[in-house]
Each structure stands twice: as C-alpha cells, then as structure tokens.
C-alpha cells in the first residue's frame, strides 16, 4: 500500500469511528463516509465493501497494534506484557464505548462480537505457537494440542463475554474489570500486577 492509500485508509478509519460513535454504522452510507473522510466513493470501495466492514477494520487496526506488543516483548515477563495489553484493549474499548456497547450485542448485524473473539483467539494461538503460553490441562485420551486449542477458544470467547458484561455496567472501571477478569481466568493464563486468588 502506497502512502496515498495509507492516508486515505486512515481518513476513512477516522471517519467511520466518528460516525459510528453517533449512531449505528448500519445507518451510515458509503457516500456519507466518503464525504466525511474527504475521499471519493471509489476510494472507499478500494478499502472496504461496506461501512460495517470498514468499522471492523478500523477497530482491528488498533487491536493489532496492541497485540504486536505480545510478540515484540520477548525479554519481559509474559504476565506483565499480557496484563498491559489487556488493559490497553480495555482502554481501546472504553475510547470506543458507544460503538462497542451497541454493536457487541449478540443481535448486532455488525459482527463486533465475532471480530473481537477471533482477534483474541488469534492472539492466544500465537502465544501458544510461540510456546510463550503453555496450557496444562491434561485430558485423558485427548491430544494436548487439541485441549490447548479448545482452552484458547474458551479464553477468547469468555473474554468477549466478560467485556460485554462490563459494558452493561458503566459504574465499573477498567480496574474493576481486571479484578473480576483475573478471578475467572484459568491459572495457566499469564497475568501479573493483579492478585489472583
């Protein structure tokens, strides 16, 4: 992607995030998004097929940057890095709270629940593949890698459910979420800086 395309994509991402804060992205037209971003409709279609796809791209862009820290920080304690990234994800969600509160619902047409779950699963699988996380849940007759994959899916989807529950309780802050979340996670999942009972 050349510099012009990157600038257009960034302007489109900023535009879709602004408009999706105000109302459901399913009510935003391609023409409106292009106008808000200062690009032509044809430029929009070079980047996405629909406003909701563009929204998922914009949100994933932030999440991908956070995940990169998990892969880059090989010299530090993994629990510290996972904790920092988890708090970073929660800040990302808090920054986009109106979008997530509306579109993380099971009934949403936008698919943020699936997008977020897939992102967390991919992060978990990367940590497993790099042997930075080891799932120690032996199940008789089941290969360890199968149990590890299913456990990673449980953590990914459970995390999305926990975030959805947090979003329904605006009186809870990120620190409150982290204290609850840590208590729910399996012992083998790395987190630090928050006391696990």
N, C-alpha and C. Protein backbone atom coordinates (compact mmCIF):
# COMPACT_ATOMS: atom_id res chain seq x y z
N UNK A 1 0.85 -1.18 0.00
CA UNK A 1 0.00 0.00 0.00
C UNK A 1 0.89 1.24 0.00
N UNK A 2 0.66 2.12 -0.95
CA UNK A 2 1.49 3.32 -1.03
C UNK A 2 1.01 4.37 -0.02
N UNK A 3 1.77 5.46 0.07
CA UNK A 3 1.50 6.48 1.08
C UNK A 3 0.11 7.11 0.89
N UNK A 4 -0.30 7.34 -0.36
CA UNK A 4 -1.61 7.92 -0.62
C UNK A 4 -2.72 6.99 -0.15
N UNK A 5 -2.59 5.71 -0.42
CA UNK A 5 -3.60 4.74 0.01
C UNK A 5 -3.66 4.66 1.54
N UNK A 6 -2.49 4.72 2.19
CA UNK A 6 -2.46 4.68 3.66
C UNK A 6 -3.17 5.90 4.25
N UNK A 7 -2.93 7.08 3.66
CA UNK A 7 -3.60 8.29 4.13
C UNK A 7 -5.11 8.19 3.94
N UNK A 8 -5.53 7.69 2.79
CA UNK A 8 -6.97 7.52 2.54
C UNK A 8 -7.57 6.54 3.53
N UNK A 9 -6.88 5.43 3.77
CA UNK A 9 -7.39 4.45 4.72
C UNK A 9 -7.50 5.04 6.11
N UNK A 10 -6.51 5.80 6.51
CA UNK A 10 -6.54 6.42 7.84
C UNK A 10 -7.69 7.41 7.95
N UNK A 11 -7.90 8.22 6.91
CA UNK A 11 -9.02 9.17 6.93
C UNK A 11 -10.36 8.44 6.98
N UNK A 12 -10.48 7.35 6.23
CA UNK A 12 -11.71 6.55 6.26
C UNK A 12 -11.92 5.93 7.64
N UNK A 13 -10.85 5.42 8.23
CA UNK A 13 -10.97 4.84 9.58
C UNK A 13 -11.43 5.89 10.59
N UNK A 14 -10.82 7.07 10.54
CA UNK A 14 -11.23 8.13 11.47
C UNK A 14 -12.68 8.53 11.25
N UNK A 15 -13.08 8.60 9.98
CA UNK A 15 -14.46 9.00 9.66
C UNK A 15 -15.46 7.97 10.17
N UNK A 16 -15.19 6.69 9.93
CA UNK A 16 -16.15 5.68 10.35
C UNK A 16 -16.23 5.61 11.87
N UNK A 17 -15.12 5.80 12.56
CA UNK A 17 -15.16 5.80 14.03
C UNK A 17 -15.96 6.99 14.55
N UNK A 18 -15.79 8.17 13.95
CA UNK A 18 -16.57 9.35 14.38
C UNK A 18 -18.06 9.11 14.16
N UNK A 19 -18.43 8.66 12.97
CA UNK A 19 -19.84 8.48 12.66
C UNK A 19 -20.47 7.34 13.46
N UNK A 20 -19.71 6.28 13.69
CA UNK A 20 -20.25 5.14 14.44
C UNK A 20 -20.39 5.45 15.93
N UNK A 21 -19.70 6.47 16.42
CA UNK A 21 -19.91 6.90 17.81
C UNK A 21 -21.30 7.54 17.95
N UNK A 22 -21.76 8.20 16.87
CA UNK A 22 -23.02 8.94 16.90
C UNK A 22 -24.25 8.06 16.69
N UNK A 23 -24.10 7.04 15.83
CA UNK A 23 -25.26 6.18 15.51
C UNK A 23 -24.75 4.85 14.95
N UNK A 24 -25.63 3.87 14.86
CA UNK A 24 -25.21 2.57 14.33
C UNK A 24 -24.59 2.70 12.93
N UNK A 25 -23.50 2.01 12.72
CA UNK A 25 -22.81 2.10 11.43
C UNK A 25 -23.68 1.57 10.30
N UNK A 26 -24.66 0.74 10.62
CA UNK A 26 -25.59 0.25 9.59
C UNK A 26 -26.48 1.38 9.05
N UNK A 27 -26.49 2.53 9.73
CA UNK A 27 -27.27 3.68 9.28
C UNK A 27 -26.40 4.73 8.58
N UNK A 28 -25.13 4.38 8.36
CA UNK A 28 -24.19 5.28 7.72
C UNK A 28 -24.01 4.83 6.26
N UNK A 29 -24.13 5.76 5.33
CA UNK A 29 -23.99 5.41 3.91
C UNK A 29 -22.54 5.54 3.47
N UNK A 30 -22.23 4.88 2.37
CA UNK A 30 -20.90 4.97 1.78
C UNK A 30 -20.62 6.42 1.35
N UNK A 31 -21.62 7.06 0.77
CA UNK A 31 -21.45 8.46 0.33
C UNK A 31 -21.12 9.37 1.51
N UNK A 32 -21.82 9.16 2.62
CA UNK A 32 -21.56 9.98 3.81
C UNK A 32 -20.16 9.74 4.35
N UNK A 33 -19.75 8.48 4.38
CA UNK A 33 -18.40 8.16 4.86
C UNK A 33 -17.34 8.78 3.96
N UNK A 34 -17.51 8.65 2.66
CA UNK A 34 -16.54 9.22 1.73
C UNK A 34 -16.46 10.73 1.90
N UNK A 35 -17.61 11.38 2.02
CA UNK A 35 -17.65 12.84 2.22
C UNK A 35 -16.95 13.22 3.52
N UNK A 36 -17.25 12.50 4.61
CA UNK A 36 -16.64 12.78 5.92
C UNK A 36 -15.12 12.60 5.89
N UNK A 37 -14.67 11.62 5.10
CA UNK A 37 -13.23 11.34 5.00
C UNK A 37 -12.53 12.20 3.96
N UNK A 38 -13.32 12.89 3.12
CA UNK A 38 -12.72 13.72 2.07
C UNK A 38 -12.14 12.89 0.93
N UNK A 39 -12.80 11.76 0.63
CA UNK A 39 -12.34 10.91 -0.48
C UNK A 39 -13.53 10.62 -1.39
N UNK A 40 -13.26 10.08 -2.55
CA UNK A 40 -14.31 9.69 -3.48
C UNK A 40 -14.90 8.34 -3.06
N UNK A 41 -16.14 8.10 -3.51
CA UNK A 41 -16.79 6.80 -3.24
C UNK A 41 -15.93 5.64 -3.75
N UNK A 42 -15.33 5.83 -4.92
CA UNK A 42 -14.49 4.76 -5.49
C UNK A 42 -13.31 4.44 -4.57
N UNK A 43 -12.79 5.47 -3.89
CA UNK A 43 -11.70 5.24 -2.94
C UNK A 43 -12.19 4.42 -1.76
N UNK A 44 -13.40 4.70 -1.31
CA UNK A 44 -13.97 3.89 -0.23
C UNK A 44 -13.94 2.42 -0.61
N UNK A 45 -14.42 2.10 -1.81
CA UNK A 45 -14.52 0.71 -2.24
C UNK A 45 -13.16 0.05 -2.48
N UNK A 46 -12.11 0.84 -2.58
CA UNK A 46 -10.76 0.27 -2.65
C UNK A 46 -10.34 -0.29 -1.29
N UNK A 47 -11.02 0.17 -0.22
CA UNK A 47 -10.64 -0.22 1.14
C UNK A 47 -11.64 -1.14 1.82
N UNK A 48 -12.90 -1.06 1.46
CA UNK A 48 -13.92 -1.88 2.13
C UNK A 48 -15.14 -2.02 1.22
N UNK A 49 -15.93 -3.05 1.50
CA UNK A 49 -17.13 -3.26 0.70
C UNK A 49 -18.37 -2.66 1.36
N UNK A 50 -18.25 -2.29 2.65
CA UNK A 50 -19.41 -1.74 3.37
C UNK A 50 -18.92 -0.93 4.57
N UNK A 51 -19.77 -0.05 5.09
CA UNK A 51 -19.39 0.71 6.28
C UNK A 51 -19.08 -0.18 7.49
N UNK A 52 -19.84 -1.28 7.69
CA UNK A 52 -19.54 -2.12 8.85
C UNK A 52 -18.21 -2.85 8.69
N UNK A 53 -17.85 -3.24 7.46
CA UNK A 53 -16.53 -3.83 7.25
C UNK A 53 -15.44 -2.81 7.55
N UNK A 54 -15.63 -1.57 7.12
CA UNK A 54 -14.65 -0.52 7.40
C UNK A 54 -14.52 -0.29 8.91
N UNK A 55 -15.64 -0.33 9.63
CA UNK A 55 -15.59 -0.17 11.09
C UNK A 55 -14.76 -1.29 11.73
N UNK A 56 -15.01 -2.52 11.32
CA UNK A 56 -14.23 -3.64 11.88
C UNK A 56 -12.75 -3.46 11.58
N UNK A 57 -12.42 -3.01 10.37
CA UNK A 57 -11.02 -2.77 10.00
C UNK A 57 -10.39 -1.72 10.92
N UNK A 58 -11.12 -0.64 11.14
CA UNK A 58 -10.59 0.46 11.96
C UNK A 58 -10.33 -0.01 13.39
N UNK A 59 -11.26 -0.75 13.96
CA UNK A 59 -11.10 -1.25 15.32
C UNK A 59 -9.97 -2.28 15.39
N UNK A 60 -9.91 -3.16 14.40
CA UNK A 60 -8.85 -4.18 14.38
C UNK A 60 -7.47 -3.56 14.23
N UNK A 61 -7.39 -2.45 13.53
CA UNK A 61 -6.10 -1.77 13.38
C UNK A 61 -5.51 -1.42 14.75
N UNK A 62 -6.33 -0.85 15.63
CA UNK A 62 -5.89 -0.53 16.99
C UNK A 62 -5.52 -1.80 17.76
N UNK A 63 -6.38 -2.82 17.66
CA UNK A 63 -6.15 -4.07 18.39
C UNK A 63 -4.90 -4.78 17.89
N UNK A 64 -4.64 -4.72 16.59
CA UNK A 64 -3.43 -5.35 16.05
C UNK A 64 -2.17 -4.69 16.59
N UNK A 65 -2.20 -3.38 16.75
CA UNK A 65 -1.05 -2.68 17.33
C UNK A 65 -0.79 -3.14 18.76
N UNK A 66 -1.87 -3.31 19.52
CA UNK A 66 -1.72 -3.78 20.89
C UNK A 66 -1.18 -5.21 20.92
N UNK A 67 -1.69 -6.07 20.04
CA UNK A 67 -1.22 -7.46 20.01
C UNK A 67 0.26 -7.54 19.66
N UNK A 68 0.72 -6.64 18.82
CA UNK A 68 2.12 -6.68 18.41
C UNK A 68 3.06 -6.63 19.62
N UNK A 69 2.62 -5.94 20.68
CA UNK A 69 3.44 -5.89 21.91
C UNK A 69 3.63 -7.28 22.49
N UNK A 70 2.63 -8.15 22.37
CA UNK A 70 2.77 -9.52 22.86
C UNK A 70 3.88 -10.26 22.12
N UNK A 71 4.03 -9.95 20.86
CA UNK A 71 5.01 -10.64 20.04
C UNK A 71 6.39 -10.01 20.14
N UNK A 72 6.43 -8.69 20.35
CA UNK A 72 7.70 -7.97 20.38
C UNK A 72 8.43 -8.07 21.72
N UNK A 73 7.70 -8.13 22.81
CA UNK A 73 8.28 -8.08 24.15
C UNK A 73 8.71 -9.46 24.64
N UNK A 74 9.73 -10.02 24.02
CA UNK A 74 10.16 -11.37 24.40
C UNK A 74 11.07 -11.37 25.62
N UNK A 75 11.67 -10.25 25.96
CA UNK A 75 12.59 -10.21 27.09
C UNK A 75 11.93 -9.96 28.43
N UNK A 76 10.70 -9.49 28.42
CA UNK A 76 10.00 -9.17 29.66
C UNK A 76 9.14 -10.33 30.12
N UNK A 77 8.72 -10.27 31.36
CA UNK A 77 7.82 -11.26 31.92
C UNK A 77 6.52 -11.25 31.12
N UNK A 78 6.11 -12.42 30.64
CA UNK A 78 4.92 -12.51 29.81
C UNK A 78 3.68 -12.06 30.55
N UNK A 79 3.58 -12.37 31.83
CA UNK A 79 2.42 -11.95 32.61
C UNK A 79 2.27 -10.45 32.63
N UNK A 80 3.38 -9.73 32.76
CA UNK A 80 3.33 -8.26 32.75
C UNK A 80 2.87 -7.75 31.39
N UNK A 81 3.40 -8.34 30.32
CA UNK A 81 3.05 -7.89 28.97
C UNK A 81 1.58 -8.17 28.69
N UNK A 82 1.10 -9.37 29.03
CA UNK A 82 -0.30 -9.72 28.80
C UNK A 82 -1.22 -8.78 29.58
N UNK A 83 -0.83 -8.46 30.82
CA UNK A 83 -1.63 -7.54 31.63
C UNK A 83 -1.68 -6.17 30.98
N UNK A 84 -0.54 -5.64 30.55
CA UNK A 84 -0.50 -4.33 29.90
C UNK A 84 -1.34 -4.31 28.63
N UNK A 85 -1.24 -5.37 27.83
CA UNK A 85 -2.01 -5.44 26.58
C UNK A 85 -3.50 -5.54 26.89
N UNK A 86 -3.87 -6.33 27.90
CA UNK A 86 -5.28 -6.47 28.27
C UNK A 86 -5.84 -5.12 28.72
N UNK A 87 -5.10 -4.40 29.53
CA UNK A 87 -5.54 -3.07 29.96
C UNK A 87 -5.62 -2.15 28.74
N UNK A 88 -4.67 -2.27 27.81
CA UNK A 88 -4.72 -1.48 26.58
C UNK A 88 -5.97 -1.77 25.76
N UNK A 89 -6.34 -3.05 25.67
CA UNK A 89 -7.57 -3.42 24.96
C UNK A 89 -8.77 -2.79 25.65
N UNK A 90 -8.79 -2.83 26.97
CA UNK A 90 -9.92 -2.24 27.70
C UNK A 90 -9.98 -0.73 27.49
N UNK A 91 -8.84 -0.06 27.41
CA UNK A 91 -8.83 1.38 27.13
C UNK A 91 -9.34 1.66 25.71
N UNK A 92 -8.95 0.79 24.77
CA UNK A 92 -9.45 0.90 23.39
C UNK A 92 -10.98 0.78 23.39
N UNK A 93 -11.51 -0.18 24.13
CA UNK A 93 -12.96 -0.36 24.20
C UNK A 93 -13.62 0.83 24.88
N UNK A 94 -12.99 1.31 25.95
CA UNK A 94 -13.54 2.48 26.66
C UNK A 94 -13.56 3.71 25.74
N UNK A 95 -12.52 3.88 24.93
CA UNK A 95 -12.45 5.01 24.00
C UNK A 95 -13.56 4.93 22.95
N UNK A 96 -13.94 3.70 22.60
CA UNK A 96 -14.98 3.46 21.60
C UNK A 96 -16.23 2.85 22.24
N UNK A 97 -16.51 3.27 23.46
CA UNK A 97 -17.54 2.61 24.26
C UNK A 97 -18.92 2.63 23.61
N UNK A 98 -19.29 3.72 22.96
CA UNK A 98 -20.61 3.77 22.34
C UNK A 98 -20.74 2.74 21.23
N UNK A 99 -19.68 2.56 20.47
CA UNK A 99 -19.68 1.58 19.39
C UNK A 99 -19.79 0.17 19.97
N UNK A 100 -18.92 -0.14 20.91
CA UNK A 100 -18.93 -1.49 21.48
C UNK A 100 -20.20 -1.78 22.27
N UNK A 101 -20.68 -0.82 23.01
CA UNK A 101 -21.88 -1.05 23.81
C UNK A 101 -23.06 -1.41 22.89
N UNK A 102 -23.13 -0.78 21.75
CA UNK A 102 -24.23 -1.01 20.82
C UNK A 102 -23.99 -2.26 19.96
N UNK A 103 -22.76 -2.47 19.50
CA UNK A 103 -22.52 -3.48 18.47
C UNK A 103 -21.83 -4.75 18.95
N UNK A 104 -21.64 -4.89 20.25
CA UNK A 104 -21.09 -6.14 20.78
C UNK A 104 -22.22 -7.09 21.17
N UNK A 105 -23.43 -6.65 21.01
CA UNK A 105 -24.60 -7.47 21.36
C UNK A 105 -24.70 -8.67 20.42
N UNK A 106 -25.27 -9.76 20.93
CA UNK A 106 -25.49 -10.95 20.11
C UNK A 106 -26.34 -10.63 18.89
N UNK A 107 -27.24 -9.69 19.03
CA UNK A 107 -28.19 -9.38 17.96
C UNK A 107 -27.65 -8.37 16.94
N UNK A 108 -26.49 -7.83 17.16
CA UNK A 108 -25.94 -6.81 16.26
C UNK A 108 -25.62 -7.41 14.89
N UNK A 109 -25.91 -6.64 13.86
CA UNK A 109 -25.59 -7.05 12.48
C UNK A 109 -24.14 -6.75 12.13
N UNK A 110 -23.45 -5.99 12.96
CA UNK A 110 -22.11 -5.52 12.63
C UNK A 110 -21.05 -6.60 12.84
N UNK A 111 -21.27 -7.50 13.77
CA UNK A 111 -20.34 -8.60 13.97
C UNK A 111 -19.12 -8.29 14.82
N UNK A 112 -19.24 -7.31 15.72
CA UNK A 112 -18.08 -7.00 16.58
C UNK A 112 -17.77 -8.13 17.55
N UNK A 113 -18.78 -8.86 18.00
CA UNK A 113 -18.54 -9.98 18.92
C UNK A 113 -17.64 -11.02 18.25
N UNK A 114 -17.98 -11.36 17.03
CA UNK A 114 -17.19 -12.33 16.28
C UNK A 114 -15.79 -11.78 15.99
N UNK A 115 -15.71 -10.51 15.58
CA UNK A 115 -14.42 -9.88 15.28
C UNK A 115 -13.51 -9.89 16.49
N UNK A 116 -14.05 -9.50 17.64
CA UNK A 116 -13.24 -9.43 18.85
C UNK A 116 -12.84 -10.84 19.31
N UNK A 117 -13.77 -11.78 19.28
CA UNK A 117 -13.45 -13.15 19.66
C UNK A 117 -12.37 -13.75 18.77
N UNK A 118 -12.47 -13.52 17.47
CA UNK A 118 -11.46 -14.02 16.53
C UNK A 118 -10.10 -13.40 16.81
N UNK A 119 -10.10 -12.12 17.12
CA UNK A 119 -8.83 -11.44 17.41
C UNK A 119 -8.18 -12.01 18.67
N UNK A 120 -8.97 -12.20 19.72
CA UNK A 120 -8.43 -12.78 20.95
C UNK A 120 -7.96 -14.20 20.73
N UNK A 121 -8.70 -14.98 19.94
CA UNK A 121 -8.31 -16.36 19.67
C UNK A 121 -6.99 -16.39 18.91
N UNK A 122 -6.85 -15.55 17.91
CA UNK A 122 -5.60 -15.49 17.15
C UNK A 122 -4.43 -15.11 18.06
N UNK A 123 -4.65 -14.17 18.97
CA UNK A 123 -3.60 -13.78 19.91
C UNK A 123 -3.21 -14.96 20.79
N UNK A 124 -4.20 -15.68 21.31
CA UNK A 124 -3.93 -16.84 22.16
C UNK A 124 -3.18 -17.91 21.38
N UNK A 125 -3.60 -18.16 20.14
CA UNK A 125 -2.95 -19.18 19.33
C UNK A 125 -1.52 -18.80 18.99
N UNK A 126 -1.27 -17.51 18.76
CA UNK A 126 0.11 -17.06 18.51
C UNK A 126 0.98 -17.30 19.74
N UNK A 127 0.46 -16.99 20.92
CA UNK A 127 1.23 -17.22 22.14
C UNK A 127 1.49 -18.71 22.35
N UNK A 128 0.52 -19.55 22.04
CA UNK A 128 0.71 -21.00 22.15
C UNK A 128 1.74 -21.48 21.14
N UNK A 129 1.64 -21.00 19.90
CA UNK A 129 2.56 -21.43 18.84
C UNK A 129 3.99 -21.01 19.14
N UNK A 130 4.15 -19.87 19.76
CA UNK A 130 5.49 -19.39 20.12
C UNK A 130 5.98 -20.00 21.43
N UNK A 131 5.16 -20.87 22.00
CA UNK A 131 5.46 -21.53 23.27
C UNK A 131 5.66 -20.53 24.40
N UNK A 132 4.98 -19.40 24.31
CA UNK A 132 5.07 -18.41 25.37
C UNK A 132 3.98 -18.66 26.41
N UNK A 133 2.96 -19.43 26.02
CA UNK A 133 1.93 -19.87 26.96
C UNK A 133 1.84 -21.38 26.83
N UNK A 134 1.75 -22.04 27.94
CA UNK A 134 1.60 -23.50 27.93
C UNK A 134 0.31 -23.84 28.68
N UNK A 135 -0.57 -24.55 27.96
CA UNK A 135 -1.82 -24.98 28.56
C UNK A 135 -1.55 -26.31 29.26
N UNK A 136 -1.75 -26.31 30.55
CA UNK A 136 -1.51 -27.53 31.32
C UNK A 136 -2.84 -28.05 31.85
N UNK A 137 -3.62 -28.58 30.90
CA UNK A 137 -4.92 -29.15 31.21
C UNK A 137 -4.99 -30.52 30.55
N UNK A 138 -4.31 -31.51 31.14
CA UNK A 138 -4.33 -32.84 30.52
C UNK A 138 -5.73 -33.46 30.60
N UNK A 139 -6.16 -33.99 29.45
CA UNK A 139 -7.45 -34.65 29.36
C UNK A 139 -7.20 -36.05 28.80
N UNK A 140 -7.56 -37.05 29.56
CA UNK A 140 -7.31 -38.42 29.15
C UNK A 140 -7.89 -38.71 27.78
N UNK A 141 -7.04 -39.23 26.88
CA UNK A 141 -7.47 -39.62 25.55
C UNK A 141 -7.54 -38.48 24.55
N UNK A 142 -7.21 -37.27 24.96
CA UNK A 142 -7.25 -36.11 24.06
C UNK A 142 -5.82 -35.58 23.89
N UNK A 143 -5.36 -35.41 22.65
CA UNK A 143 -4.02 -34.85 22.44
C UNK A 143 -3.90 -33.47 23.09
N UNK A 144 -2.74 -33.19 23.66
CA UNK A 144 -2.52 -31.91 24.34
C UNK A 144 -2.82 -30.71 23.46
N UNK A 145 -2.45 -30.78 22.17
CA UNK A 145 -2.67 -29.63 21.29
C UNK A 145 -4.16 -29.39 21.04
N UNK A 146 -4.96 -30.44 21.05
CA UNK A 146 -6.41 -30.27 20.89
C UNK A 146 -7.00 -29.61 22.12
N UNK A 147 -6.59 -30.09 23.30
CA UNK A 147 -7.06 -29.48 24.55
C UNK A 147 -6.63 -28.01 24.63
N UNK A 148 -5.39 -27.73 24.19
CA UNK A 148 -4.88 -26.36 24.22
C UNK A 148 -5.69 -25.46 23.29
N UNK A 149 -6.04 -25.95 22.10
CA UNK A 149 -6.83 -25.16 21.16
C UNK A 149 -8.21 -24.85 21.73
N UNK A 150 -8.85 -25.85 22.31
CA UNK A 150 -10.18 -25.64 22.89
C UNK A 150 -10.10 -24.69 24.08
N UNK A 151 -9.05 -24.82 24.89
CA UNK A 151 -8.87 -23.92 26.03
C UNK A 151 -8.66 -22.48 25.56
N UNK A 152 -7.88 -22.30 24.47
CA UNK A 152 -7.65 -20.95 23.94
C UNK A 152 -8.96 -20.34 23.44
N UNK A 153 -9.82 -21.16 22.85
CA UNK A 153 -11.12 -20.67 22.38
C UNK A 153 -12.01 -20.26 23.55
N UNK A 154 -11.94 -21.03 24.63
CA UNK A 154 -12.71 -20.71 25.84
C UNK A 154 -12.27 -19.36 26.41
N UNK A 155 -10.96 -19.14 26.48
CA UNK A 155 -10.46 -17.87 26.99
C UNK A 155 -10.87 -16.72 26.07
N UNK A 156 -10.74 -16.91 24.75
CA UNK A 156 -11.08 -15.85 23.79
C UNK A 156 -12.56 -15.47 23.87
N UNK A 157 -13.43 -16.47 23.77
CA UNK A 157 -14.86 -16.17 23.79
C UNK A 157 -15.33 -15.73 25.17
N UNK A 158 -14.72 -16.30 26.22
CA UNK A 158 -15.07 -15.88 27.58
C UNK A 158 -14.67 -14.44 27.83
N UNK A 159 -13.56 -14.02 27.25
CA UNK A 159 -13.11 -12.63 27.40
C UNK A 159 -14.12 -11.68 26.75
N UNK A 160 -14.62 -12.04 25.57
CA UNK A 160 -15.62 -11.20 24.91
C UNK A 160 -16.88 -11.11 25.76
N UNK A 161 -17.31 -12.24 26.32
CA UNK A 161 -18.49 -12.22 27.20
C UNK A 161 -18.27 -11.36 28.42
N UNK A 162 -17.07 -11.44 29.00
CA UNK A 162 -16.77 -10.62 30.18
C UNK A 162 -16.79 -9.14 29.82
N UNK A 163 -16.24 -8.79 28.66
CA UNK A 163 -16.25 -7.39 28.22
C UNK A 163 -17.68 -6.91 28.00
N UNK A 164 -18.51 -7.76 27.39
CA UNK A 164 -19.91 -7.39 27.17
C UNK A 164 -20.61 -7.14 28.50
N UNK A 165 -20.34 -7.97 29.50
CA UNK A 165 -20.92 -7.76 30.82
C UNK A 165 -20.43 -6.47 31.45
N UNK A 166 -19.16 -6.16 31.28
CA UNK A 166 -18.58 -4.91 31.80
C UNK A 166 -19.24 -3.70 31.15
N UNK A 167 -19.46 -3.78 29.83
CA UNK A 167 -20.07 -2.66 29.11
C UNK A 167 -21.49 -2.36 29.59
N UNK A 168 -22.16 -3.34 30.13
CA UNK A 168 -23.52 -3.13 30.65
C UNK A 168 -23.52 -2.50 32.04
N UNK A 169 -22.34 -2.33 32.62
CA UNK A 169 -22.23 -1.76 33.96
C UNK A 169 -21.28 -0.56 33.94
N UNK A 170 -21.78 0.60 33.50
CA UNK A 170 -20.92 1.77 33.36
C UNK A 170 -20.28 2.24 34.66
N UNK A 171 -20.83 1.78 35.79
CA UNK A 171 -20.25 2.19 37.07
C UNK A 171 -18.91 1.48 37.35
N UNK A 172 -18.60 0.44 36.58
CA UNK A 172 -17.34 -0.30 36.77
C UNK A 172 -16.26 0.28 35.86
N UNK A 173 -15.09 0.50 36.45
CA UNK A 173 -13.95 0.98 35.67
C UNK A 173 -13.09 -0.18 35.17
N UNK A 174 -12.02 0.15 34.48
CA UNK A 174 -11.12 -0.87 33.95
C UNK A 174 -10.48 -1.67 35.08
N UNK A 175 -10.08 -1.01 36.17
CA UNK A 175 -9.50 -1.74 37.30
C UNK A 175 -10.49 -2.75 37.88
N UNK A 176 -11.77 -2.37 37.95
CA UNK A 176 -12.80 -3.30 38.42
C UNK A 176 -12.89 -4.50 37.48
N UNK A 177 -12.91 -4.21 36.17
CA UNK A 177 -12.96 -5.31 35.20
C UNK A 177 -11.79 -6.24 35.40
N UNK A 178 -10.58 -5.69 35.52
CA UNK A 178 -9.38 -6.53 35.63
C UNK A 178 -9.44 -7.41 36.88
N UNK A 179 -9.94 -6.87 37.98
CA UNK A 179 -10.04 -7.69 39.20
C UNK A 179 -11.01 -8.85 39.01
N UNK A 180 -12.12 -8.59 38.36
CA UNK A 180 -13.10 -9.66 38.08
C UNK A 180 -12.52 -10.66 37.08
N UNK A 181 -11.96 -10.14 36.01
CA UNK A 181 -11.43 -10.96 34.91
C UNK A 181 -10.35 -11.93 35.38
N UNK A 182 -9.45 -11.43 36.19
CA UNK A 182 -8.36 -12.27 36.69
C UNK A 182 -8.89 -13.45 37.50
N UNK A 183 -9.95 -13.23 38.24
CA UNK A 183 -10.53 -14.32 39.04
C UNK A 183 -11.15 -15.40 38.16
N UNK A 184 -11.59 -15.05 36.96
CA UNK A 184 -12.24 -16.01 36.09
C UNK A 184 -11.27 -16.80 35.23
N UNK A 185 -10.10 -16.26 34.99
CA UNK A 185 -9.15 -16.91 34.08
C UNK A 185 -8.56 -18.18 34.68
N UNK A 186 -8.22 -19.14 33.83
CA UNK A 186 -7.54 -20.33 34.33
C UNK A 186 -6.15 -19.97 34.87
N UNK A 187 -5.66 -20.77 35.77
CA UNK A 187 -4.37 -20.49 36.41
C UNK A 187 -3.21 -20.44 35.42
N UNK A 188 -3.30 -21.16 34.31
CA UNK A 188 -2.19 -21.20 33.36
C UNK A 188 -2.12 -19.94 32.49
N UNK A 189 -3.17 -19.11 32.48
CA UNK A 189 -3.14 -17.90 31.64
C UNK A 189 -2.29 -16.84 32.31
N UNK A 190 -1.29 -16.29 31.62
CA UNK A 190 -0.36 -15.34 32.26
C UNK A 190 -0.96 -13.94 32.46
N UNK A 191 -0.99 -13.50 33.70
CA UNK A 191 -1.30 -12.13 34.06
C UNK A 191 -0.52 -11.80 35.31
N UNK A 192 -0.14 -10.55 35.44
CA UNK A 192 0.55 -10.15 36.66
C UNK A 192 0.11 -8.73 37.02
N UNK A 193 0.48 -8.29 38.20
CA UNK A 193 0.11 -6.96 38.64
C UNK A 193 -1.28 -6.90 39.22
N UNK A 194 -2.03 -7.98 39.09
CA UNK A 194 -3.36 -8.10 39.67
C UNK A 194 -3.35 -9.41 40.44
N UNK A 195 -3.77 -9.37 41.67
CA UNK A 195 -3.68 -10.55 42.52
C UNK A 195 -4.74 -11.57 42.12
N UNK A 196 -4.28 -12.82 41.87
CA UNK A 196 -5.21 -13.93 41.61
C UNK A 196 -5.41 -14.68 42.90
N UNK A 197 -6.62 -14.94 43.26
CA UNK A 197 -6.90 -15.74 44.47
C UNK A 197 -6.81 -17.20 44.18
